[in-house]
Structure formats: structure tokens, C-alpha cells
N, C-alpha and C. Protein backbone atom coordinates (compact mmCIF):
# COMPACT_ATOMS: atom_id res chain seq x y z
N MET A 1 -60.34 -29.03 119.86
CA MET A 1 -60.20 -27.60 119.63
C MET A 1 -61.26 -26.84 120.41
N HIS A 2 -61.00 -25.58 120.62
CA HIS A 2 -61.89 -24.76 121.42
C HIS A 2 -62.60 -23.71 120.57
N HIS A 3 -62.75 -23.93 119.29
CA HIS A 3 -63.37 -22.93 118.42
C HIS A 3 -64.88 -22.90 118.63
N GLY A 4 -65.44 -21.68 118.57
CA GLY A 4 -66.89 -21.51 118.65
C GLY A 4 -67.50 -21.82 120.00
N LYS A 5 -66.72 -21.77 121.04
CA LYS A 5 -67.23 -22.08 122.36
C LYS A 5 -67.08 -20.90 123.31
N HIS A 6 -67.22 -19.70 122.77
CA HIS A 6 -67.02 -18.53 123.62
C HIS A 6 -68.30 -18.16 124.35
N PHE A 7 -68.24 -18.10 125.62
CA PHE A 7 -69.28 -17.53 126.46
C PHE A 7 -68.63 -17.09 127.76
N ARG A 8 -69.33 -16.29 128.52
CA ARG A 8 -68.78 -15.80 129.77
C ARG A 8 -68.84 -16.91 130.82
N ARG A 9 -67.72 -17.20 131.42
CA ARG A 9 -67.69 -18.26 132.42
C ARG A 9 -68.06 -17.74 133.80
N LEU A 10 -68.00 -16.43 134.01
CA LEU A 10 -68.43 -15.78 135.24
C LEU A 10 -67.69 -16.29 136.48
N ASN A 11 -66.49 -16.83 136.28
CA ASN A 11 -65.63 -17.31 137.36
C ASN A 11 -66.33 -18.36 138.22
N ARG A 12 -67.07 -19.27 137.56
CA ARG A 12 -67.81 -20.31 138.25
C ARG A 12 -67.63 -21.64 137.51
N THR A 13 -67.85 -22.72 138.23
CA THR A 13 -67.88 -24.02 137.56
C THR A 13 -69.14 -24.10 136.70
N SER A 14 -69.20 -25.09 135.82
CA SER A 14 -70.33 -25.17 134.90
C SER A 14 -71.65 -25.39 135.63
N SER A 15 -71.65 -26.23 136.65
CA SER A 15 -72.90 -26.48 137.38
C SER A 15 -73.34 -25.24 138.16
N HIS A 16 -72.37 -24.53 138.76
CA HIS A 16 -72.70 -23.30 139.48
C HIS A 16 -73.21 -22.23 138.52
N ARG A 17 -72.59 -22.12 137.35
CA ARG A 17 -73.00 -21.14 136.34
C ARG A 17 -74.41 -21.45 135.83
N ASN A 18 -74.68 -22.72 135.56
CA ASN A 18 -76.01 -23.09 135.08
C ASN A 18 -77.08 -22.82 136.14
N ALA A 19 -76.77 -23.11 137.40
CA ALA A 19 -77.72 -22.84 138.48
C ALA A 19 -77.95 -21.34 138.62
N LEU A 20 -76.89 -20.56 138.48
CA LEU A 20 -77.01 -19.10 138.57
C LEU A 20 -77.92 -18.57 137.47
N LEU A 21 -77.71 -19.03 136.24
CA LEU A 21 -78.52 -18.55 135.11
C LEU A 21 -79.97 -19.01 135.23
N ARG A 22 -80.20 -20.21 135.73
CA ARG A 22 -81.58 -20.67 135.96
C ARG A 22 -82.26 -19.80 137.02
N ASN A 23 -81.51 -19.48 138.07
CA ASN A 23 -82.05 -18.64 139.13
C ASN A 23 -82.36 -17.23 138.61
N LEU A 24 -81.45 -16.66 137.82
CA LEU A 24 -81.69 -15.33 137.26
C LEU A 24 -82.88 -15.33 136.31
N ALA A 25 -83.01 -16.36 135.48
CA ALA A 25 -84.14 -16.45 134.54
C ALA A 25 -85.45 -16.58 135.30
N SER A 26 -85.46 -17.37 136.35
CA SER A 26 -86.68 -17.52 137.15
C SER A 26 -87.06 -16.21 137.83
N SER A 27 -86.07 -15.51 138.35
CA SER A 27 -86.35 -14.22 139.01
C SER A 27 -86.83 -13.18 138.01
N LEU A 28 -86.25 -13.19 136.81
CA LEU A 28 -86.68 -12.23 135.80
C LEU A 28 -88.12 -12.48 135.38
N ILE A 29 -88.50 -13.73 135.23
CA ILE A 29 -89.88 -14.03 134.86
C ILE A 29 -90.82 -13.66 136.01
N GLU A 30 -90.40 -13.92 137.22
CA GLU A 30 -91.27 -13.66 138.37
C GLU A 30 -91.46 -12.16 138.61
N TYR A 31 -90.39 -11.38 138.52
CA TYR A 31 -90.48 -9.97 138.88
C TYR A 31 -90.52 -9.02 137.68
N GLY A 32 -90.14 -9.48 136.50
CA GLY A 32 -90.18 -8.64 135.31
C GLY A 32 -88.96 -7.77 135.12
N ARG A 33 -88.22 -7.53 136.18
CA ARG A 33 -87.01 -6.70 136.11
C ARG A 33 -86.12 -7.04 137.29
N ILE A 34 -84.82 -7.25 137.01
CA ILE A 34 -83.88 -7.52 138.08
C ILE A 34 -82.62 -6.70 137.86
N GLU A 35 -81.90 -6.48 138.93
CA GLU A 35 -80.64 -5.74 138.89
C GLU A 35 -79.50 -6.71 139.13
N THR A 36 -78.54 -6.72 138.23
CA THR A 36 -77.40 -7.64 138.32
C THR A 36 -76.21 -7.01 137.63
N THR A 37 -75.11 -7.73 137.53
CA THR A 37 -73.95 -7.18 136.84
C THR A 37 -74.18 -7.23 135.33
N VAL A 38 -73.42 -6.45 134.59
CA VAL A 38 -73.59 -6.37 133.15
C VAL A 38 -73.28 -7.71 132.49
N ALA A 39 -72.23 -8.40 132.93
CA ALA A 39 -71.86 -9.68 132.33
C ALA A 39 -72.96 -10.72 132.55
N LYS A 40 -73.51 -10.78 133.75
CA LYS A 40 -74.59 -11.74 134.02
C LYS A 40 -75.83 -11.39 133.20
N ALA A 41 -76.13 -10.10 133.07
CA ALA A 41 -77.29 -9.69 132.30
C ALA A 41 -77.14 -10.05 130.82
N LYS A 42 -75.94 -9.88 130.28
CA LYS A 42 -75.71 -10.22 128.88
C LYS A 42 -75.80 -11.72 128.64
N GLU A 43 -75.39 -12.52 129.60
CA GLU A 43 -75.52 -13.97 129.48
C GLU A 43 -76.96 -14.41 129.66
N LEU A 44 -77.73 -13.67 130.45
CA LEU A 44 -79.12 -14.02 130.72
C LEU A 44 -80.04 -13.68 129.56
N LYS A 45 -79.69 -12.67 128.78
CA LYS A 45 -80.57 -12.17 127.72
C LYS A 45 -81.04 -13.25 126.75
N PRO A 46 -80.16 -14.06 126.13
CA PRO A 46 -80.67 -15.09 125.22
C PRO A 46 -81.50 -16.16 125.91
N ILE A 47 -81.20 -16.46 127.16
CA ILE A 47 -81.98 -17.45 127.90
C ILE A 47 -83.39 -16.93 128.16
N ALA A 48 -83.49 -15.66 128.56
CA ALA A 48 -84.80 -15.06 128.82
C ALA A 48 -85.62 -14.98 127.54
N ASP A 49 -84.97 -14.66 126.43
CA ASP A 49 -85.69 -14.60 125.16
C ASP A 49 -86.17 -15.99 124.75
N SER A 50 -85.36 -17.03 124.98
CA SER A 50 -85.80 -18.37 124.62
C SER A 50 -86.95 -18.85 125.52
N MET A 51 -87.00 -18.38 126.75
CA MET A 51 -88.13 -18.71 127.62
C MET A 51 -89.43 -18.12 127.08
N ILE A 52 -89.36 -16.89 126.56
CA ILE A 52 -90.55 -16.28 125.96
C ILE A 52 -90.97 -17.06 124.72
N THR A 53 -89.99 -17.51 123.94
CA THR A 53 -90.31 -18.32 122.76
C THR A 53 -91.01 -19.61 123.17
N LEU A 54 -90.57 -20.24 124.25
CA LEU A 54 -91.27 -21.42 124.76
C LEU A 54 -92.69 -21.06 125.18
N GLY A 55 -92.84 -19.91 125.83
CA GLY A 55 -94.17 -19.48 126.25
C GLY A 55 -95.09 -19.22 125.08
N LYS A 56 -94.54 -18.70 123.99
CA LYS A 56 -95.36 -18.43 122.81
C LYS A 56 -95.76 -19.71 122.09
N LYS A 57 -94.93 -20.76 122.19
CA LYS A 57 -95.34 -22.04 121.60
C LYS A 57 -96.57 -22.57 122.32
N GLY A 58 -96.52 -22.59 123.64
CA GLY A 58 -97.69 -22.91 124.44
C GLY A 58 -98.13 -24.36 124.45
N ASP A 59 -97.42 -25.26 123.82
CA ASP A 59 -97.86 -26.65 123.83
C ASP A 59 -97.33 -27.37 125.06
N VAL A 60 -97.68 -28.64 125.17
CA VAL A 60 -97.32 -29.42 126.36
C VAL A 60 -95.81 -29.58 126.47
N GLU A 61 -95.15 -29.82 125.35
CA GLU A 61 -93.70 -30.01 125.38
C GLU A 61 -92.98 -28.73 125.83
N ALA A 62 -93.48 -27.58 125.39
CA ALA A 62 -92.88 -26.32 125.81
C ALA A 62 -93.06 -26.11 127.31
N LYS A 63 -94.22 -26.48 127.84
CA LYS A 63 -94.44 -26.36 129.28
C LYS A 63 -93.52 -27.30 130.05
N ARG A 64 -93.31 -28.49 129.52
CA ARG A 64 -92.40 -29.43 130.19
C ARG A 64 -90.98 -28.89 130.20
N GLN A 65 -90.55 -28.30 129.10
CA GLN A 65 -89.20 -27.74 129.05
C GLN A 65 -89.07 -26.57 130.02
N ALA A 66 -90.09 -25.73 130.11
CA ALA A 66 -90.04 -24.60 131.04
C ALA A 66 -90.03 -25.08 132.48
N ILE A 67 -90.84 -26.08 132.79
CA ILE A 67 -90.86 -26.63 134.16
C ILE A 67 -89.51 -27.23 134.51
N ALA A 68 -88.87 -27.89 133.53
CA ALA A 68 -87.58 -28.51 133.79
C ALA A 68 -86.48 -27.48 134.01
N TYR A 69 -86.60 -26.30 133.40
CA TYR A 69 -85.52 -25.32 133.50
C TYR A 69 -85.73 -24.34 134.65
N LEU A 70 -86.93 -23.85 134.84
CA LEU A 70 -87.18 -22.77 135.80
C LEU A 70 -87.31 -23.29 137.22
N TYR A 71 -86.84 -22.48 138.16
CA TYR A 71 -87.07 -22.76 139.57
C TYR A 71 -88.44 -22.23 139.94
N SER A 72 -89.02 -22.75 141.00
CA SER A 72 -90.37 -22.43 141.48
C SER A 72 -91.37 -22.38 140.32
N PRO A 73 -91.61 -23.52 139.67
CA PRO A 73 -92.48 -23.53 138.49
C PRO A 73 -93.93 -23.20 138.79
N THR A 74 -94.37 -23.32 140.04
CA THR A 74 -95.76 -22.97 140.34
C THR A 74 -95.99 -21.47 140.21
N VAL A 75 -94.93 -20.68 140.33
CA VAL A 75 -95.05 -19.22 140.19
C VAL A 75 -94.65 -18.77 138.79
N THR A 76 -93.54 -19.28 138.30
CA THR A 76 -92.97 -18.76 137.06
C THR A 76 -93.66 -19.26 135.80
N VAL A 77 -94.04 -20.54 135.77
CA VAL A 77 -94.64 -21.09 134.54
C VAL A 77 -95.98 -20.46 134.22
N PRO A 78 -96.91 -20.29 135.18
CA PRO A 78 -98.15 -19.59 134.82
C PRO A 78 -97.92 -18.15 134.37
N LYS A 79 -96.96 -17.49 135.00
CA LYS A 79 -96.68 -16.11 134.59
C LYS A 79 -96.11 -16.08 133.17
N LEU A 80 -95.25 -17.04 132.85
CA LEU A 80 -94.64 -17.10 131.52
C LEU A 80 -95.69 -17.38 130.45
N PHE A 81 -96.54 -18.37 130.68
CA PHE A 81 -97.48 -18.79 129.65
C PHE A 81 -98.75 -17.95 129.61
N ASP A 82 -99.17 -17.37 130.75
CA ASP A 82 -100.44 -16.65 130.79
C ASP A 82 -100.29 -15.14 130.68
N GLU A 83 -99.15 -14.57 131.11
CA GLU A 83 -98.98 -13.13 131.07
C GLU A 83 -97.97 -12.67 130.03
N LEU A 84 -96.77 -13.26 130.07
CA LEU A 84 -95.70 -12.78 129.19
C LEU A 84 -95.89 -13.19 127.74
N ALA A 85 -96.29 -14.43 127.49
CA ALA A 85 -96.44 -14.90 126.11
C ALA A 85 -97.50 -14.12 125.34
N PRO A 86 -98.69 -13.84 125.91
CA PRO A 86 -99.64 -13.02 125.15
C PRO A 86 -99.16 -11.58 124.94
N ARG A 87 -98.36 -11.07 125.88
CA ARG A 87 -97.86 -9.70 125.73
C ARG A 87 -96.92 -9.58 124.54
N PHE A 88 -96.18 -10.64 124.24
CA PHE A 88 -95.23 -10.61 123.14
C PHE A 88 -95.70 -11.42 121.93
N ALA A 89 -96.99 -11.64 121.81
CA ALA A 89 -97.51 -12.48 120.73
C ALA A 89 -97.21 -11.89 119.35
N GLU A 90 -97.22 -10.58 119.22
CA GLU A 90 -97.00 -9.93 117.93
C GLU A 90 -95.53 -9.60 117.69
N ARG A 91 -94.68 -9.88 118.63
CA ARG A 91 -93.27 -9.50 118.53
C ARG A 91 -92.43 -10.73 118.17
N ASN A 92 -91.45 -10.55 117.29
CA ASN A 92 -90.67 -11.67 116.80
C ASN A 92 -89.36 -11.88 117.54
N GLY A 93 -88.99 -11.04 118.43
CA GLY A 93 -87.74 -11.20 119.16
C GLY A 93 -87.41 -9.92 119.90
N GLY A 94 -86.31 -9.94 120.62
CA GLY A 94 -85.90 -8.75 121.36
C GLY A 94 -86.85 -8.44 122.50
N TYR A 95 -87.08 -9.41 123.35
CA TYR A 95 -88.05 -9.25 124.43
C TYR A 95 -87.46 -8.59 125.67
N THR A 96 -86.14 -8.53 125.77
CA THR A 96 -85.50 -7.99 126.97
C THR A 96 -84.65 -6.78 126.62
N ARG A 97 -84.39 -5.99 127.64
CA ARG A 97 -83.52 -4.82 127.50
C ARG A 97 -82.54 -4.81 128.65
N VAL A 98 -81.27 -4.54 128.35
CA VAL A 98 -80.23 -4.40 129.36
C VAL A 98 -79.87 -2.93 129.43
N GLN A 99 -80.09 -2.32 130.57
CA GLN A 99 -79.83 -0.90 130.77
C GLN A 99 -78.77 -0.74 131.85
N ARG A 100 -77.64 -0.15 131.50
CA ARG A 100 -76.57 0.06 132.48
C ARG A 100 -76.99 1.13 133.49
N ILE A 101 -76.62 0.90 134.77
CA ILE A 101 -77.02 1.84 135.81
C ILE A 101 -75.85 2.34 136.64
N GLY A 102 -74.63 2.09 136.21
CA GLY A 102 -73.48 2.58 136.96
C GLY A 102 -72.76 1.44 137.65
N ASN A 103 -71.89 1.79 138.58
CA ASN A 103 -71.06 0.80 139.26
C ASN A 103 -71.56 0.55 140.68
N ARG A 104 -71.33 -0.67 141.14
CA ARG A 104 -71.72 -1.05 142.50
C ARG A 104 -70.77 -0.40 143.50
N TYR A 105 -71.27 -0.06 144.65
CA TYR A 105 -70.49 0.68 145.63
C TYR A 105 -69.34 -0.15 146.20
N GLY A 106 -69.57 -1.39 146.54
CA GLY A 106 -68.57 -2.17 147.25
C GLY A 106 -67.35 -2.54 146.42
N ASP A 107 -67.57 -3.09 145.22
CA ASP A 107 -66.45 -3.57 144.43
C ASP A 107 -66.33 -2.89 143.07
N ASN A 108 -67.13 -1.88 142.82
CA ASN A 108 -67.07 -1.08 141.60
C ASN A 108 -67.39 -1.91 140.35
N ALA A 109 -68.20 -2.95 140.53
CA ALA A 109 -68.59 -3.78 139.40
C ALA A 109 -69.66 -3.04 138.57
N PRO A 110 -69.56 -3.09 137.25
CA PRO A 110 -70.58 -2.43 136.42
C PRO A 110 -71.92 -3.14 136.56
N MET A 111 -72.95 -2.39 136.90
CA MET A 111 -74.27 -2.95 137.16
C MET A 111 -75.22 -2.61 136.02
N ALA A 112 -76.27 -3.42 135.90
CA ALA A 112 -77.28 -3.21 134.86
C ALA A 112 -78.63 -3.70 135.37
N VAL A 113 -79.67 -3.18 134.75
CA VAL A 113 -81.02 -3.66 134.97
C VAL A 113 -81.43 -4.40 133.71
N ILE A 114 -81.87 -5.63 133.85
CA ILE A 114 -82.42 -6.37 132.72
C ILE A 114 -83.92 -6.52 132.98
N GLU A 115 -84.71 -6.22 131.96
CA GLU A 115 -86.16 -6.22 132.12
C GLU A 115 -86.83 -6.65 130.83
N TYR A 116 -88.04 -7.15 130.97
CA TYR A 116 -88.86 -7.41 129.80
C TYR A 116 -89.46 -6.09 129.35
N ILE A 117 -89.38 -5.82 128.06
CA ILE A 117 -89.85 -4.53 127.56
C ILE A 117 -91.36 -4.49 127.53
N ASP A 118 -91.90 -3.32 127.36
CA ASP A 118 -93.35 -3.05 127.27
C ASP A 118 -94.09 -3.39 128.55
N GLY A 119 -93.39 -3.48 129.65
CA GLY A 119 -94.04 -3.83 130.90
C GLY A 119 -94.56 -2.60 131.63
N PRO A 120 -95.23 -2.82 132.74
CA PRO A 120 -95.75 -1.68 133.50
C PRO A 120 -94.67 -0.83 134.15
N ASN A 121 -93.51 -1.41 134.40
CA ASN A 121 -92.41 -0.67 135.03
C ASN A 121 -91.25 -0.49 134.07
N ASP A 122 -91.53 -0.20 132.83
CA ASP A 122 -90.49 -0.08 131.80
C ASP A 122 -89.62 1.14 132.10
N ILE A 123 -88.33 0.91 132.28
CA ILE A 123 -87.39 1.98 132.64
C ILE A 123 -87.24 3.00 131.52
N LYS A 124 -87.18 2.54 130.28
CA LYS A 124 -86.99 3.43 129.14
C LYS A 124 -88.20 4.36 129.00
N LYS A 125 -89.40 3.82 129.19
CA LYS A 125 -90.61 4.64 129.09
C LYS A 125 -90.63 5.71 130.18
N ALA A 126 -90.24 5.34 131.39
CA ALA A 126 -90.22 6.30 132.49
C ALA A 126 -89.21 7.41 132.23
N MET A 127 -88.03 7.04 131.72
CA MET A 127 -87.01 8.07 131.46
C MET A 127 -87.45 9.01 130.34
N VAL A 128 -88.05 8.46 129.28
CA VAL A 128 -88.48 9.30 128.16
C VAL A 128 -89.60 10.24 128.59
N THR A 129 -90.57 9.74 129.36
CA THR A 129 -91.66 10.61 129.78
C THR A 129 -91.17 11.71 130.72
N GLN A 130 -90.24 11.38 131.62
CA GLN A 130 -89.72 12.40 132.53
C GLN A 130 -88.94 13.46 131.77
N THR A 131 -88.11 13.04 130.83
CA THR A 131 -87.31 14.00 130.06
C THR A 131 -88.20 14.87 129.18
N LEU A 132 -89.15 14.25 128.52
CA LEU A 132 -90.05 15.01 127.65
C LEU A 132 -90.91 15.97 128.47
N ALA A 133 -91.35 15.55 129.65
CA ALA A 133 -92.12 16.44 130.51
C ALA A 133 -91.28 17.63 130.96
N ARG A 134 -90.01 17.37 131.28
CA ARG A 134 -89.14 18.46 131.70
C ARG A 134 -88.91 19.45 130.56
N VAL A 135 -88.67 18.94 129.34
CA VAL A 135 -88.41 19.81 128.19
C VAL A 135 -89.65 20.61 127.82
N LEU A 136 -90.80 19.93 127.75
CA LEU A 136 -92.03 20.63 127.37
C LEU A 136 -92.51 21.56 128.47
N GLY A 137 -92.29 21.18 129.72
CA GLY A 137 -92.72 22.04 130.83
C GLY A 137 -91.89 23.31 130.94
N GLN A 138 -90.59 23.23 130.65
CA GLN A 138 -89.73 24.41 130.74
C GLN A 138 -90.03 25.40 129.62
N THR A 139 -90.40 24.90 128.46
CA THR A 139 -90.67 25.79 127.33
C THR A 139 -92.13 26.18 127.23
N ASN A 140 -92.94 25.78 128.23
CA ASN A 140 -94.37 26.10 128.28
C ASN A 140 -95.09 25.65 127.02
N GLN A 141 -94.76 24.48 126.53
CA GLN A 141 -95.42 23.93 125.35
C GLN A 141 -96.15 22.65 125.73
N THR A 142 -96.87 22.69 126.84
CA THR A 142 -97.54 21.49 127.32
C THR A 142 -98.67 21.06 126.39
N SER A 143 -99.17 21.97 125.56
CA SER A 143 -100.24 21.60 124.64
C SER A 143 -99.71 20.82 123.44
N LYS A 144 -98.40 20.76 123.26
CA LYS A 144 -97.82 20.11 122.09
C LYS A 144 -97.31 18.69 122.38
N VAL A 145 -97.90 18.04 123.36
CA VAL A 145 -97.44 16.70 123.72
C VAL A 145 -97.72 15.72 122.59
N LYS A 146 -98.95 15.72 122.06
CA LYS A 146 -99.28 14.78 120.98
C LYS A 146 -98.50 15.10 119.72
N GLU A 147 -98.27 16.39 119.45
CA GLU A 147 -97.49 16.77 118.28
C GLU A 147 -96.05 16.27 118.40
N ALA A 148 -95.51 16.28 119.63
CA ALA A 148 -94.15 15.78 119.84
C ALA A 148 -94.08 14.28 119.56
N PHE A 149 -95.11 13.55 119.97
CA PHE A 149 -95.12 12.11 119.72
C PHE A 149 -95.35 11.78 118.26
N GLU A 150 -96.13 12.60 117.57
CA GLU A 150 -96.38 12.33 116.15
C GLU A 150 -95.24 12.83 115.27
N GLY A 151 -94.35 13.65 115.83
CA GLY A 151 -93.21 14.15 115.07
C GLY A 151 -93.51 15.38 114.25
N THR A 152 -94.68 16.00 114.45
CA THR A 152 -95.04 17.18 113.65
C THR A 152 -94.53 18.47 114.27
N ALA A 153 -94.29 18.48 115.58
CA ALA A 153 -93.81 19.69 116.25
C ALA A 153 -92.29 19.70 116.28
N ASP A 154 -91.70 20.84 115.97
CA ASP A 154 -90.25 20.99 116.04
C ASP A 154 -89.92 21.62 117.38
N LEU A 155 -89.52 20.79 118.35
CA LEU A 155 -89.28 21.26 119.71
C LEU A 155 -87.80 21.35 120.04
N GLY A 156 -86.93 21.00 119.09
CA GLY A 156 -85.50 21.04 119.34
C GLY A 156 -85.03 19.96 120.29
N LEU A 157 -85.63 18.77 120.20
CA LEU A 157 -85.24 17.67 121.07
C LEU A 157 -83.95 17.05 120.59
N SER A 158 -83.19 16.47 121.51
CA SER A 158 -81.92 15.85 121.14
C SER A 158 -82.16 14.58 120.32
N LYS A 159 -81.13 14.15 119.61
CA LYS A 159 -81.25 12.96 118.76
C LYS A 159 -81.50 11.71 119.61
N THR A 160 -80.84 11.62 120.76
CA THR A 160 -81.04 10.44 121.59
C THR A 160 -82.45 10.39 122.15
N LEU A 161 -83.01 11.53 122.52
CA LEU A 161 -84.38 11.56 123.03
C LEU A 161 -85.36 11.18 121.92
N LEU A 162 -85.13 11.66 120.71
CA LEU A 162 -86.00 11.29 119.60
C LEU A 162 -85.91 9.79 119.29
N ARG A 163 -84.70 9.23 119.36
CA ARG A 163 -84.53 7.80 119.12
C ARG A 163 -85.24 6.99 120.20
N ASP A 164 -85.07 7.39 121.45
CA ASP A 164 -85.75 6.69 122.54
C ASP A 164 -87.25 6.84 122.45
N LEU A 165 -87.70 8.01 122.00
CA LEU A 165 -89.12 8.26 121.84
C LEU A 165 -89.72 7.32 120.79
N LYS A 166 -89.00 7.09 119.70
CA LYS A 166 -89.47 6.16 118.67
C LYS A 166 -89.52 4.74 119.20
N LYS A 167 -88.53 4.36 120.02
CA LYS A 167 -88.53 3.02 120.59
C LYS A 167 -89.73 2.82 121.52
N VAL A 168 -90.02 3.83 122.32
CA VAL A 168 -91.13 3.74 123.26
C VAL A 168 -92.46 3.75 122.50
N GLN A 169 -92.54 4.56 121.43
CA GLN A 169 -93.76 4.63 120.65
C GLN A 169 -94.07 3.31 119.97
N PHE A 170 -93.03 2.57 119.57
CA PHE A 170 -93.22 1.28 118.93
C PHE A 170 -93.97 0.32 119.84
N ALA A 171 -93.71 0.43 121.14
CA ALA A 171 -94.29 -0.50 122.09
C ALA A 171 -95.58 -0.01 122.72
N ASN A 172 -95.85 1.28 122.71
CA ASN A 172 -97.00 1.84 123.41
C ASN A 172 -97.78 2.75 122.46
N SER A 173 -99.03 3.01 122.80
CA SER A 173 -99.83 3.91 121.98
C SER A 173 -99.53 5.36 122.34
N ILE A 174 -99.79 6.24 121.40
CA ILE A 174 -99.50 7.67 121.58
C ILE A 174 -100.37 8.26 122.69
N GLU A 175 -101.61 7.79 122.80
CA GLU A 175 -102.52 8.35 123.80
C GLU A 175 -102.04 8.07 125.22
N THR A 176 -101.61 6.84 125.48
CA THR A 176 -101.15 6.52 126.83
C THR A 176 -99.85 7.25 127.14
N LEU A 177 -98.97 7.38 126.15
CA LEU A 177 -97.72 8.10 126.38
C LEU A 177 -97.98 9.58 126.64
N SER A 178 -98.88 10.18 125.88
CA SER A 178 -99.17 11.60 126.09
C SER A 178 -99.83 11.82 127.45
N GLN A 179 -100.68 10.88 127.88
CA GLN A 179 -101.27 11.00 129.21
C GLN A 179 -100.20 10.91 130.29
N ASP A 180 -99.24 9.99 130.11
CA ASP A 180 -98.16 9.85 131.09
C ASP A 180 -97.31 11.11 131.15
N VAL A 181 -97.03 11.71 129.99
CA VAL A 181 -96.23 12.94 129.97
C VAL A 181 -96.99 14.08 130.63
N GLU A 182 -98.28 14.19 130.36
CA GLU A 182 -99.07 15.25 130.99
C GLU A 182 -99.14 15.08 132.50
N LYS A 183 -99.25 13.84 132.97
CA LYS A 183 -99.23 13.59 134.42
C LYS A 183 -97.88 13.99 135.01
N GLU A 184 -96.80 13.66 134.29
CA GLU A 184 -95.46 14.00 134.77
C GLU A 184 -95.25 15.51 134.80
N ILE A 185 -95.77 16.21 133.81
CA ILE A 185 -95.68 17.67 133.80
C ILE A 185 -96.44 18.25 134.99
N ALA A 186 -97.62 17.71 135.25
CA ALA A 186 -98.41 18.18 136.38
C ALA A 186 -97.68 17.92 137.71
N LYS A 187 -96.99 16.76 137.82
CA LYS A 187 -96.25 16.46 139.04
C LYS A 187 -95.07 17.40 139.22
N GLN A 188 -94.35 17.69 138.12
CA GLN A 188 -93.14 18.48 138.24
C GLN A 188 -93.41 19.96 138.48
N PHE A 189 -94.47 20.47 137.90
CA PHE A 189 -94.68 21.92 137.94
C PHE A 189 -95.85 22.35 138.78
N ASN A 190 -96.35 21.48 139.62
CA ASN A 190 -97.43 21.90 140.54
C ASN A 190 -97.01 21.71 141.96
């Protein structure tokens, strides 16, 4: 029977599919963010999360498993165990984010960016700071940046922006976010 065996086959043989996912996981660990199709990104997400779990274990067996799975282990394994694992030490799961970015020009395939969250190039953080800077800069309420992050100021922000703001606040401190918004306001209006 074929029950409970659903996964995306990605129009590839099993060996080709496994090699593709190993390559994508290695690239994601190496660069922190990659652009691929939505289907590949959704298949990569649990693999990338399990790699972080291996990194958080940190023992010899976990390193052996990571070396056996990842390509270019001299680059990816130290980054996994020395940079990514400490970054997610306090987090219990949900280490990656899949963000849709539209369709590819050639074949109209739906594209996405998959990235490790809380990183230096976090797409969600950049979008929230740019949007908040635009809203606060247009209404001349640049002094209310910290109040917007603390939720005490009523600025008439949309529900999606408030939800994204809470997600970004969970991962970053209010001071660094307010500094980023103030820098963005200065860039946009000077």
C-alpha cells in the first residue's frame, strides 16, 4: 500500500531528488538564504530544521551525521555547529522561513526565498523596518518609533504590519529595531 508516503517527488528519481535536497541544504547553511521554487523550499524546510537540531546536539555522532549528509563539510559543518546552533540555542523549532517572491520569468514557476530567521539579512525584518519607516516618516511621527514597537502608540498600522512587527520583535530587541527604523527614515527622507 502507498499510505502515509506523501512527499513532493519534484519530477526526479529518488537519487536525483536526494542529491538535490542535500545540495539545497548545504547551500542554505553556507549562505543563510537561497532562492528556489516554492515546492523545493517546502521540501527543504524540514531538512534544514533537522540540520539545526543536529547542530544543537553538538556531540560527535551529530557531527558525523552532518558530515555524511552535507556537501562541502569543511565549509558547512563549522558554520552549522559554531554559528547557527548557538544562534538558535533558545529556540525550540521553526528555524526557517519560506517567503514567496513571485513567478520566474522564463517558465512562470512560483519562486520563494528560504532563509534562516534572525539572521543579518532577514527579509521580514527589512520589510517591516522599511514599511514602518515609510508610515512614520509620512505622518511626521519619527519620535514615536519606540512607542510603535512597544504597542503604546496608536498609529493606525495595518493588522498584517502589526503581526509582522510582533514576529520581528520576538527575534530582535526593540532598541536595534528602533535604530534600524530611524536609519531607514533618515535614508528615505534626506
